Amino acid sequence: MKVKTSWGSWKKAKLYGFKPKKRTKRRVPTQAIFAAHLFNNMTPCEKKIWPALQKKGYLAQCVIVGFIPDFYHPILRVCVEIDGSVHSTERQKAKDEVKDERLRSRGYRVIRISNYRVMHDLEAILQELP
């Protein structure tokens, strides 16, 4: 006898001896949650370049080698970083160097583009990117 498993029929299913499986909570890694947060709160420059990169096959805010680059092309293994004024500090430059070196050591190509260039020279950037 088939037992329906819609929400309205659980009481009937229990009457016939059917015990539903325990539902286990799937643990989502913290980095994946943070990547989703970054995707939903893109900067104006990222929002401007995203439609064009999406057409080229890029993905936005993916976790790669423990880092979350702004944009990533899985086939070409290219990471595109859009750098704002925060990236001009010495501390952030050091972090960026570590990030770039780690990605390069795993076979990724890292391209850094300034916010100014995205806002004023978008067409040239899109022609340069693979």
Protein backbone atom coordinates (compact mmCIF):
# COMPACT_ATOMS: atom_id res chain seq x y z
CA MET A 1 0.00 0.00 0.00
CA LYS A 2 1.39 3.38 -1.00
CA VAL A 3 1.35 6.07 1.61
CA LYS A 4 1.29 9.71 0.61
CA THR A 5 4.01 11.78 2.17
CA SER A 6 2.52 15.23 1.87
CA TRP A 7 2.16 17.23 5.06
CA GLY A 8 -1.57 16.56 5.31
CA SER A 9 -1.13 12.79 5.32
CA TRP A 10 1.53 12.29 8.03
CA LYS A 11 -1.11 11.40 10.63
CA LYS A 12 -2.59 8.77 8.30
CA ALA A 13 0.87 7.43 7.55
CA LYS A 14 1.58 6.99 11.26
CA LEU A 15 -1.68 5.05 11.65
CA TYR A 16 -0.39 2.49 9.15
CA GLY A 17 2.95 2.13 10.92
CA PHE A 18 5.01 4.37 8.67
CA LYS A 19 7.77 6.19 10.52
CA PRO A 20 9.29 9.16 8.77
CA LYS A 21 13.07 9.41 8.67
CA LYS A 22 14.69 11.86 11.00
CA ARG A 23 15.58 15.02 9.18
CA THR A 24 19.16 15.99 9.68
CA LYS A 25 20.23 19.58 9.44
CA ARG A 26 22.75 20.14 6.71
CA ARG A 27 25.63 22.21 7.96
CA VAL A 28 26.57 24.97 5.58
CA PRO A 29 30.22 26.06 5.86
CA THR A 30 30.76 29.54 7.26
CA GLN A 31 32.64 30.64 4.14
CA ALA A 32 29.70 29.69 1.92
CA ILE A 33 27.39 31.81 4.07
CA PHE A 34 29.81 34.73 3.90
CA ALA A 35 30.13 34.31 0.11
CA ALA A 36 26.34 34.49 -0.21
CA HIS A 37 26.37 37.63 1.94
CA LEU A 38 29.02 39.21 -0.31
CA PHE A 39 27.04 38.28 -3.42
CA ASN A 40 23.87 39.86 -2.05
CA ASN A 41 25.75 43.03 -1.01
CA MET A 42 27.95 43.76 -4.03
CA THR A 43 29.67 47.13 -4.31
CA PRO A 44 28.49 49.49 -7.07
CA CYS A 45 31.56 48.63 -9.18
CA GLU A 46 30.92 44.90 -8.83
CA LYS A 47 27.28 45.42 -9.79
CA LYS A 48 28.35 47.36 -12.88
CA ILE A 49 30.77 44.73 -14.20
CA TRP A 50 28.83 41.62 -13.10
CA PRO A 51 26.32 41.35 -16.02
CA ALA A 52 29.12 41.51 -18.60
CA LEU A 53 31.27 38.96 -16.76
CA GLN A 54 28.28 36.67 -16.26
CA LYS A 55 27.79 36.54 -20.04
CA LYS A 56 31.44 35.45 -20.37
CA GLY A 57 30.90 32.53 -17.97
CA TYR A 58 32.24 34.03 -14.75
CA LEU A 59 30.80 33.21 -11.35
CA ALA A 60 30.57 35.70 -8.49
CA GLN A 61 31.81 35.26 -4.91
CA CYS A 62 32.77 31.57 -4.92
CA VAL A 63 34.91 29.92 -2.24
CA ILE A 64 38.24 28.85 -3.79
CA VAL A 65 41.23 27.54 -1.82
CA GLY A 66 39.82 29.15 1.33
CA PHE A 67 39.39 32.58 -0.30
CA ILE A 68 36.44 34.36 -1.91
CA PRO A 69 37.47 36.24 -5.06
CA ASP A 70 35.01 38.77 -6.49
CA PHE A 71 34.64 36.88 -9.78
CA TYR A 72 35.89 33.51 -10.98
CA HIS A 73 35.89 31.60 -14.27
CA PRO A 74 35.94 27.84 -13.53
CA ILE A 75 37.13 26.69 -16.96
CA LEU A 76 39.83 29.31 -17.52
CA ARG A 77 40.81 29.29 -13.80
CA VAL A 78 40.86 33.09 -13.69
CA CYS A 79 40.05 35.13 -10.57
CA VAL A 80 39.11 38.79 -10.99
CA GLU A 81 39.43 41.11 -7.99
CA ILE A 82 37.90 44.59 -7.96
CA ASP A 83 40.04 46.74 -5.65
CA GLY A 84 38.66 49.79 -3.86
CA SER A 85 40.38 52.31 -1.62
CA VAL A 86 40.65 49.74 1.20
CA HIS A 87 43.22 47.82 -0.83
CA SER A 88 45.67 50.72 -0.75
CA THR A 89 46.54 50.22 2.94
CA GLU A 90 49.71 48.32 3.81
CA ARG A 91 47.85 45.72 5.85
CA GLN A 92 45.40 44.95 3.06
CA LYS A 93 48.19 44.86 0.46
CA ALA A 94 49.95 42.18 2.52
CA LYS A 95 46.73 40.15 2.75
CA ASP A 96 46.18 40.51 -0.99
CA GLU A 97 49.71 39.29 -1.73
CA VAL A 98 49.19 36.19 0.40
CA LYS A 99 45.84 35.54 -1.27
CA ASP A 100 47.27 36.00 -4.78
CA GLU A 101 50.28 33.80 -4.08
CA ARG A 102 48.13 31.01 -2.69
CA LEU A 103 45.77 31.13 -5.65
CA ARG A 104 48.68 31.21 -8.14
CA SER A 105 50.34 28.24 -6.43
CA ARG A 106 47.14 26.27 -7.12
CA GLY A 107 47.11 27.20 -10.81
CA TYR A 108 44.77 30.19 -10.81
CA ARG A 109 45.47 33.45 -12.62
CA VAL A 110 44.63 36.54 -10.54
CA ILE A 111 43.68 39.82 -12.21
CA ARG A 112 43.27 42.94 -10.05
CA ILE A 113 41.28 45.91 -11.35
CA SER A 114 40.76 49.23 -9.58
CA ASN A 115 37.30 50.66 -8.88
CA TYR A 116 38.19 53.78 -10.85
CA ARG A 117 38.97 51.76 -13.93
CA VAL A 118 35.71 49.80 -13.70
CA MET A 119 33.68 53.00 -13.45
CA HIS A 120 35.49 54.85 -16.26
CA ASP A 121 36.93 52.24 -18.64
CA LEU A 122 34.64 49.22 -18.55
CA GLU A 123 34.76 48.40 -22.27
CA ALA A 124 38.57 48.22 -22.31
CA ILE A 125 38.55 45.94 -19.25
CA LEU A 126 36.08 43.55 -20.86
CA GLN A 127 38.24 43.33 -23.98
CA GLU A 128 41.36 42.56 -21.90
CA LEU A 129 39.75 39.82 -19.81
CA PRO A 130 39.81 36.27 -21.18
